[in-house]
């Protein structure tokens, strides 16, 4: 297990540093000048130049370019970025100046985790349970359920979010649209605030959990059909072992690949959460990233992407270790017994 954990840890560390290169480079490939949004009132003056441009205006623009380090060569900007990763200090946000990126991302992170973790757990549990039932009953029930699961799992996150918002926030205004709680309310443990919080939480949560359920159910159904058709199931039936016990054995074997698939599901859910938060203006890291992209805010994009990257890699690392403890075959491989 020690060799397995060390190997996986080094793999994720390498993955992290490779991904940081893209996180730094991609925003800088975007067209435009982010400082011009910060000093938009002098955009035309700076663009056209001329003798009528006040000297203080030019100095203000140059001041912000230097403050955000955009006047330095790209190689130097990259090493400054690497240093900021180690200190977790990405400086000031361009879009929310003078607030710091670390402050913005850390305040948004709890909202994202409160949305992603429950949706992932509930979707994984319900999806695997329904997928196992569909494989067990088969026949017409399975064909109907399979079609529903397949349709749900192929729906884009943003499309489902827009459909839910239209029907349940506008057409039939059951739930509020936008934000985490109503404007003017002060966060507290009061019952009315908790109810208001849950009402705002419902649509973003459903947008994530329904697609997760569909994907997990499809995977579990396929694995259960494979296990129920295996030789050991037929052998167990010939020995007179009860169907309930055989079903339990099949479920245990089928759930192992689903644990591995959970890592892929988390990665997909994180990308889906970004667009879901943007649709509902939910105050998480995804919505923050969306604002940063619109405003070409390099420091904010880097900080938000880094938070998402750490969350995904950490979850995958934990799942890999959990899978190694559950499946003894992995431990045998690293002992050299297989």
Protein backbone atom coordinates (compact mmCIF):
# COMPACT_ATOMS: atom_id res chain seq x y z
CA UNK A 1 0.00 0.00 0.00
CA UNK A 2 2.86 2.39 0.73
CA UNK A 3 4.32 1.87 -2.74
CA UNK A 4 0.89 2.26 -4.29
CA UNK A 5 0.17 5.51 -2.40
CA UNK A 6 3.61 6.98 -3.18
CA UNK A 7 3.27 6.16 -6.88
CA UNK A 8 -0.21 7.68 -7.06
CA UNK A 9 0.87 10.76 -5.11
CA UNK A 10 3.80 11.43 -7.44
CA UNK A 11 1.52 10.94 -10.44
CA UNK A 12 -0.96 13.55 -9.16
CA UNK A 13 1.82 15.99 -8.26
CA UNK A 14 3.13 15.71 -11.84
CA UNK A 15 -0.40 16.12 -13.19
CA UNK A 16 -0.87 19.20 -11.02
CA UNK A 17 2.21 20.99 -12.34
CA UNK A 18 1.46 20.11 -15.97
CA UNK A 19 -2.07 21.45 -15.54
CA UNK A 20 -0.78 24.70 -13.99
CA UNK A 21 1.04 25.44 -17.27
CA UNK A 22 -2.26 25.41 -19.14
CA UNK A 23 -3.99 27.39 -16.37
CA UNK A 24 -1.36 30.12 -16.78
CA UNK A 25 -1.13 30.05 -20.59
CA UNK A 26 -4.77 29.80 -21.72
CA UNK A 27 -6.00 33.12 -20.22
CA UNK A 28 -3.09 34.92 -21.89
CA UNK A 29 -4.09 33.52 -25.26
CA UNK A 30 -7.44 35.30 -24.97
CA UNK A 31 -7.69 38.42 -27.12
CA UNK A 32 -8.00 41.81 -25.49
CA UNK A 33 -6.47 43.82 -22.68
CA UNK A 34 -7.94 43.15 -19.19
CA UNK A 35 -6.65 46.45 -17.83
CA UNK A 36 -8.87 48.33 -20.25
CA UNK A 37 -11.93 46.98 -18.42
CA UNK A 38 -10.55 48.23 -15.14
CA UNK A 39 -10.01 51.71 -16.56
CA UNK A 40 -12.87 51.59 -19.08
CA UNK A 41 -13.61 55.27 -18.78
CA UNK A 42 -10.25 56.03 -20.44
CA UNK A 43 -10.34 53.19 -22.99
CA UNK A 44 -10.76 55.35 -26.08
CA UNK A 45 -8.17 57.86 -24.95
CA UNK A 46 -5.55 55.18 -24.41
CA UNK A 47 -6.41 53.43 -27.68
CA UNK A 48 -6.16 56.51 -29.89
CA UNK A 49 -3.38 58.36 -28.06
CA UNK A 50 -2.70 61.97 -28.98
CA UNK A 51 -1.82 65.21 -27.31
CA UNK A 52 -5.24 65.55 -25.64
CA UNK A 53 -4.76 62.54 -23.41
CA UNK A 54 -4.09 63.73 -19.85
CA UNK A 55 -0.77 62.60 -18.47
CA UNK A 56 -2.41 61.34 -15.28
CA UNK A 57 -4.64 59.04 -17.34
CA UNK A 58 -1.64 57.45 -19.02
CA UNK A 59 0.08 57.07 -15.68
CA UNK A 60 -3.00 55.37 -14.20
CA UNK A 61 -3.04 52.80 -16.99
CA UNK A 62 0.70 52.18 -16.69
CA UNK A 63 0.34 51.89 -12.92
CA UNK A 64 -2.18 49.04 -13.21
CA UNK A 65 -0.17 47.27 -15.89
CA UNK A 66 2.85 47.27 -13.56
CA UNK A 67 0.75 46.38 -10.51
CA UNK A 68 -0.54 43.21 -12.15
CA UNK A 69 2.90 42.38 -13.57
CA UNK A 70 1.74 42.52 -17.19
CA UNK A 71 4.68 44.68 -18.19
CA UNK A 72 7.16 41.85 -17.50
CA UNK A 73 8.29 39.23 -20.04
CA UNK A 74 6.10 36.13 -20.24
CA UNK A 75 8.76 33.84 -18.76
CA UNK A 76 9.05 36.12 -15.73
CA UNK A 77 5.26 36.26 -15.38
CA UNK A 78 5.21 32.45 -15.32
CA UNK A 79 7.77 32.19 -12.51
CA UNK A 80 5.85 34.81 -10.53
CA UNK A 81 2.78 32.64 -11.05
CA UNK A 82 4.62 29.53 -9.75
CA UNK A 83 5.68 31.49 -6.69
CA UNK A 84 2.08 32.57 -6.12
CA UNK A 85 0.99 28.90 -6.16
CA UNK A 86 3.39 28.03 -3.35
CA UNK A 87 2.29 31.00 -1.26
CA UNK A 88 -1.35 30.80 -2.40
CA UNK A 89 -1.31 34.54 -2.99
CA UNK A 90 -2.53 35.42 -6.48
CA UNK A 91 -2.60 39.11 -5.81
CA UNK A 92 -5.51 41.38 -6.62
CA UNK A 93 -8.43 40.62 -8.89
CA UNK A 94 -8.81 42.87 -11.92
CA UNK A 95 -12.61 42.54 -12.05
CA UNK A 96 -13.12 42.99 -8.28
CA UNK A 97 -10.21 45.33 -7.58
CA UNK A 98 -9.01 45.94 -4.86
CA UNK A 99 -10.17 42.58 -3.44
CA UNK A 100 -7.64 39.75 -3.43
CA UNK A 101 -8.11 36.57 -5.44
CA UNK A 102 -7.46 34.32 -2.43
CA UNK A 103 -10.19 36.10 -0.48
CA UNK A 104 -12.68 35.74 -3.34
CA UNK A 105 -11.99 32.07 -4.04
CA UNK A 106 -11.95 30.99 -0.39
CA UNK A 107 -15.26 32.75 0.25
CA UNK A 108 -16.80 31.05 -2.81
CA UNK A 109 -15.38 27.57 -2.13
CA UNK A 110 -17.82 26.56 0.66
CA UNK A 111 -20.78 27.31 -1.63
CA UNK A 112 -19.34 25.10 -4.37
CA UNK A 113 -18.54 22.24 -1.98
CA UNK A 114 -22.01 22.46 -0.43
CA UNK A 115 -23.45 21.98 -3.92
CA UNK A 116 -21.03 19.44 -5.41
CA UNK A 117 -20.46 16.98 -2.53
CA UNK A 118 -24.15 16.28 -1.66
CA UNK A 119 -25.07 16.08 -5.37
CA UNK A 120 -22.23 13.62 -6.02
CA UNK A 121 -23.03 11.41 -3.01
CA UNK A 122 -26.79 11.36 -3.58
CA UNK A 123 -26.40 10.85 -7.34
CA UNK A 124 -23.90 8.02 -6.89
CA UNK A 125 -25.98 6.15 -4.30
CA UNK A 126 -29.35 6.51 -6.04
CA UNK A 127 -27.89 5.91 -9.51
CA UNK A 128 -26.15 2.68 -8.53
CA UNK A 129 -29.20 1.41 -6.67
CA UNK A 130 -31.54 2.10 -9.60
CA UNK A 131 -29.05 0.65 -12.09
CA UNK A 132 -28.83 -2.58 -10.08
CA UNK A 133 -32.63 -2.83 -9.91
CA UNK A 134 -32.94 -2.30 -13.66
CA UNK A 135 -30.46 -5.10 -14.35
CA UNK A 136 -32.18 -7.42 -11.88
CA UNK A 137 -35.72 -7.04 -13.26
CA UNK A 138 -34.71 -6.77 -16.95
CA UNK A 139 -37.55 -7.16 -19.45
CA UNK A 140 -39.88 -4.26 -20.28
CA UNK A 141 -39.15 -2.44 -17.01
CA UNK A 142 -35.44 -2.47 -17.77
CA UNK A 143 -35.93 -1.17 -21.32
CA UNK A 144 -38.05 1.75 -20.10
CA UNK A 145 -35.73 2.64 -17.22
CA UNK A 146 -32.64 2.24 -19.41
CA UNK A 147 -34.04 4.66 -22.00
CA UNK A 148 -34.80 7.23 -19.30
CA UNK A 149 -31.33 6.89 -17.75
CA UNK A 150 -29.63 7.10 -21.15
CA UNK A 151 -31.55 10.27 -22.05
CA UNK A 152 -30.79 11.95 -18.71
CA UNK A 153 -27.09 11.05 -18.77
CA UNK A 154 -26.64 12.64 -22.23
CA UNK A 155 -28.25 15.98 -21.33
CA UNK A 156 -25.75 18.88 -21.21
CA UNK A 157 -25.58 20.48 -17.77
CA UNK A 158 -26.30 23.99 -19.01
CA UNK A 159 -29.34 22.82 -21.03
CA UNK A 160 -30.90 21.04 -18.05
CA UNK A 161 -30.21 24.07 -15.86
CA UNK A 162 -31.94 26.37 -18.35
CA UNK A 163 -34.93 24.02 -18.70
CA UNK A 164 -35.38 23.71 -14.93
CA UNK A 165 -35.01 27.47 -14.53
CA UNK A 166 -37.64 28.14 -17.21
CA UNK A 167 -40.25 25.70 -15.93
CA UNK A 168 -39.81 25.98 -12.17
CA UNK A 169 -38.63 29.57 -11.75
CA UNK A 170 -40.53 31.39 -14.52
CA UNK A 171 -43.38 29.31 -16.02
CA UNK A 172 -44.37 27.75 -12.69
CA UNK A 173 -42.61 29.99 -10.16
CA UNK A 174 -42.09 27.42 -7.42
CA UNK A 175 -38.43 28.15 -6.80
CA UNK A 176 -36.55 31.46 -6.90
CA UNK A 177 -34.04 32.07 -9.66
CA UNK A 178 -30.50 33.29 -9.06
CA UNK A 179 -28.26 33.65 -6.05
CA UNK A 180 -27.94 31.57 -2.90
CA UNK A 181 -30.56 33.46 -0.86
CA UNK A 182 -32.94 36.37 -1.28
CA UNK A 183 -31.64 39.89 -1.61
CA UNK A 184 -31.55 41.73 1.70
CA UNK A 185 -31.54 38.64 3.91
CA UNK A 186 -28.74 38.26 6.45
CA UNK A 187 -27.23 34.74 6.78
CA UNK A 188 -28.26 33.17 10.08
CA UNK A 189 -29.61 29.94 11.59
CA UNK A 190 -33.15 31.30 11.62
CA UNK A 191 -35.75 28.95 10.13
CA UNK A 192 -36.95 31.43 7.49
CA UNK A 193 -33.40 31.96 6.22
CA UNK A 194 -32.72 28.19 6.06
CA UNK A 195 -35.92 27.65 4.07
CA UNK A 196 -35.01 30.49 1.74
CA UNK A 197 -31.50 29.02 1.34
CA UNK A 198 -32.90 25.57 0.44
CA UNK A 199 -35.36 27.06 -2.04
CA UNK A 200 -32.48 28.75 -3.90
CA UNK A 201 -30.41 25.56 -3.57
CA UNK A 202 -33.01 23.23 -5.12
CA UNK A 203 -32.64 24.00 -8.84
CA UNK A 204 -28.80 24.04 -8.98
CA UNK A 205 -28.78 20.79 -6.97
CA UNK A 206 -31.29 19.09 -9.28
CA UNK A 207 -29.35 20.26 -12.34
CA UNK A 208 -26.32 18.31 -11.11
CA UNK A 209 -27.83 15.31 -9.34
CA UNK A 210 -30.21 14.21 -12.13
CA UNK A 211 -27.39 13.88 -14.68
CA UNK A 212 -25.17 12.12 -12.13
CA UNK A 213 -27.97 9.63 -11.37
CA UNK A 214 -28.42 8.89 -15.08
CA UNK A 215 -24.73 8.29 -15.69
CA UNK A 216 -24.21 6.12 -12.62
CA UNK A 217 -27.34 4.06 -13.32
CA UNK A 218 -26.19 3.28 -16.87
CA UNK A 219 -22.77 2.14 -15.65
CA UNK A 220 -24.16 0.05 -12.79
CA UNK A 221 -26.74 -1.61 -15.01
CA UNK A 222 -24.06 -2.74 -17.47
CA UNK A 223 -21.81 -4.08 -14.72
CA UNK A 224 -24.68 -5.92 -13.01
CA UNK A 225 -25.76 -7.54 -16.29
CA UNK A 226 -22.18 -8.73 -16.78
CA UNK A 227 -21.93 -10.12 -13.25
CA UNK A 228 -25.35 -11.80 -13.32
CA UNK A 229 -24.31 -13.59 -16.51
CA UNK A 230 -20.99 -14.80 -15.06
CA UNK A 231 -20.12 -18.43 -14.47
CA UNK A 232 -19.94 -18.12 -10.69
CA UNK A 233 -23.60 -17.02 -10.61
CA UNK A 234 -24.68 -20.10 -12.58
CA UNK A 235 -22.48 -22.28 -10.40
CA UNK A 236 -24.04 -20.76 -7.27
CA UNK A 237 -27.53 -21.44 -8.57
CA UNK A 238 -26.63 -25.10 -9.20
CA UNK A 239 -25.35 -25.32 -5.62
CA UNK A 240 -28.69 -24.03 -4.36
CA UNK A 241 -27.50 -20.64 -3.09
CA UNK A 242 -30.40 -18.22 -2.69
CA UNK A 243 -31.00 -15.51 -5.30
CA UNK A 244 -30.69 -12.77 -2.67
CA UNK A 245 -27.20 -13.94 -1.69
CA UNK A 246 -26.10 -14.28 -5.31
CA UNK A 247 -27.45 -10.81 -6.02
CA UNK A 248 -25.40 -9.50 -3.11
CA UNK A 249 -22.23 -11.11 -4.50
CA UNK A 250 -22.91 -9.68 -7.95
CA UNK A 251 -23.54 -6.22 -6.50
CA UNK A 252 -20.23 -6.25 -4.58
CA UNK A 253 -18.28 -7.12 -7.71
CA UNK A 254 -20.19 -4.64 -9.88
CA UNK A 255 -19.70 -1.75 -7.47
CA UNK A 256 -15.89 -1.86 -7.71
CA UNK A 257 -15.66 -0.36 -11.23
CA UNK A 258 -18.27 2.18 -10.18
CA UNK A 259 -15.91 3.43 -7.47
CA UNK A 260 -13.28 3.96 -10.15
CA UNK A 261 -15.90 5.63 -12.32
CA UNK A 262 -16.67 7.97 -9.42
CA UNK A 263 -13.37 9.76 -10.09
CA UNK A 264 -14.40 10.43 -13.69
CA UNK A 265 -17.86 11.46 -12.52
CA UNK A 266 -16.39 14.04 -10.15
CA UNK A 267 -14.35 15.58 -12.96
CA UNK A 268 -17.43 15.77 -15.17
CA UNK A 269 -19.55 17.15 -12.34
CA UNK A 270 -17.03 19.92 -11.60
CA UNK A 271 -17.15 21.08 -15.23
CA UNK A 272 -20.94 20.86 -15.12
CA UNK A 273 -21.04 22.79 -11.87
CA UNK A 274 -19.20 25.72 -13.47
CA UNK A 275 -21.96 26.24 -16.05
CA UNK A 276 -24.71 25.45 -13.54
CA UNK A 277 -23.44 28.10 -11.14
CA UNK A 278 -23.16 30.56 -14.04
CA UNK A 279 -26.77 29.90 -15.12
CA UNK A 280 -28.17 30.36 -11.61
CA UNK A 281 -25.66 33.03 -10.53
CA UNK A 282 -24.84 30.75 -7.60
CA UNK A 283 -21.96 32.31 -5.61
CA UNK A 284 -19.49 29.45 -6.01
CA UNK A 285 -16.08 29.12 -7.61
CA UNK A 286 -17.68 28.24 -10.96
CA UNK A 287 -19.61 31.50 -11.12
CA UNK A 288 -16.48 33.35 -10.05
CA UNK A 289 -14.55 31.69 -12.86
CA UNK A 290 -17.27 32.66 -15.34
CA UNK A 291 -17.05 36.31 -14.29
CA UNK A 292 -13.26 36.16 -14.50
CA UNK A 293 -13.40 34.82 -18.07
CA UNK A 294 -15.88 37.50 -19.15
CA UNK A 295 -13.68 40.22 -17.65
CA UNK A 296 -10.39 38.61 -18.79
CA UNK A 297 -9.25 38.67 -15.17
CA UNK A 298 -5.98 36.67 -15.33
CA UNK A 299 -5.37 36.40 -11.56
CA UNK A 300 -8.98 35.41 -10.86
CA UNK A 301 -9.06 32.81 -13.64
CA UNK A 302 -5.81 31.30 -12.38
CA UNK A 303 -6.97 31.22 -8.77
CA UNK A 304 -10.41 29.75 -9.54
CA UNK A 305 -9.00 27.11 -11.90
CA UNK A 306 -6.38 26.17 -9.32
CA UNK A 307 -9.06 25.64 -6.65
CA UNK A 308 -11.04 23.39 -9.02
CA UNK A 309 -7.88 21.52 -10.01
CA UNK A 310 -6.91 20.83 -6.40
CA UNK A 311 -10.45 19.67 -5.60
CA UNK A 312 -10.58 17.25 -8.54
CA UNK A 313 -7.10 15.81 -8.01
CA UNK A 314 -7.63 15.42 -4.25
CA UNK A 315 -10.93 13.61 -4.80
CA UNK A 316 -9.34 11.29 -7.38
CA UNK A 317 -6.40 10.56 -5.06
CA UNK A 318 -8.74 9.67 -2.18
CA UNK A 319 -10.84 7.44 -4.44
CA UNK A 320 -7.73 5.62 -5.70
CA UNK A 321 -6.64 4.86 -2.13
CA UNK A 322 -10.16 3.81 -1.17
CA UNK A 323 -10.33 1.49 -4.17
CA UNK A 324 -7.01 -0.10 -3.23
CA UNK A 325 -8.33 -0.88 0.26
CA UNK A 326 -11.57 -2.31 -1.13
CA UNK A 327 -10.03 -4.42 -3.90
CA UNK A 328 -7.32 -6.79 -2.56
CA UNK A 329 -6.05 -7.52 -6.09
CA UNK A 330 -4.32 -4.12 -6.20
CA UNK A 331 -2.45 -4.83 -2.97
CA UNK A 332 -1.36 -8.20 -4.36
CA UNK A 333 0.04 -6.52 -7.49
CA UNK A 334 2.19 -4.14 -5.46
CA UNK A 335 3.40 -6.98 -3.25
CA UNK A 336 4.57 -8.79 -6.37
CA UNK A 337 2.23 -11.72 -5.76
CA UNK A 338 0.42 -11.28 -9.09
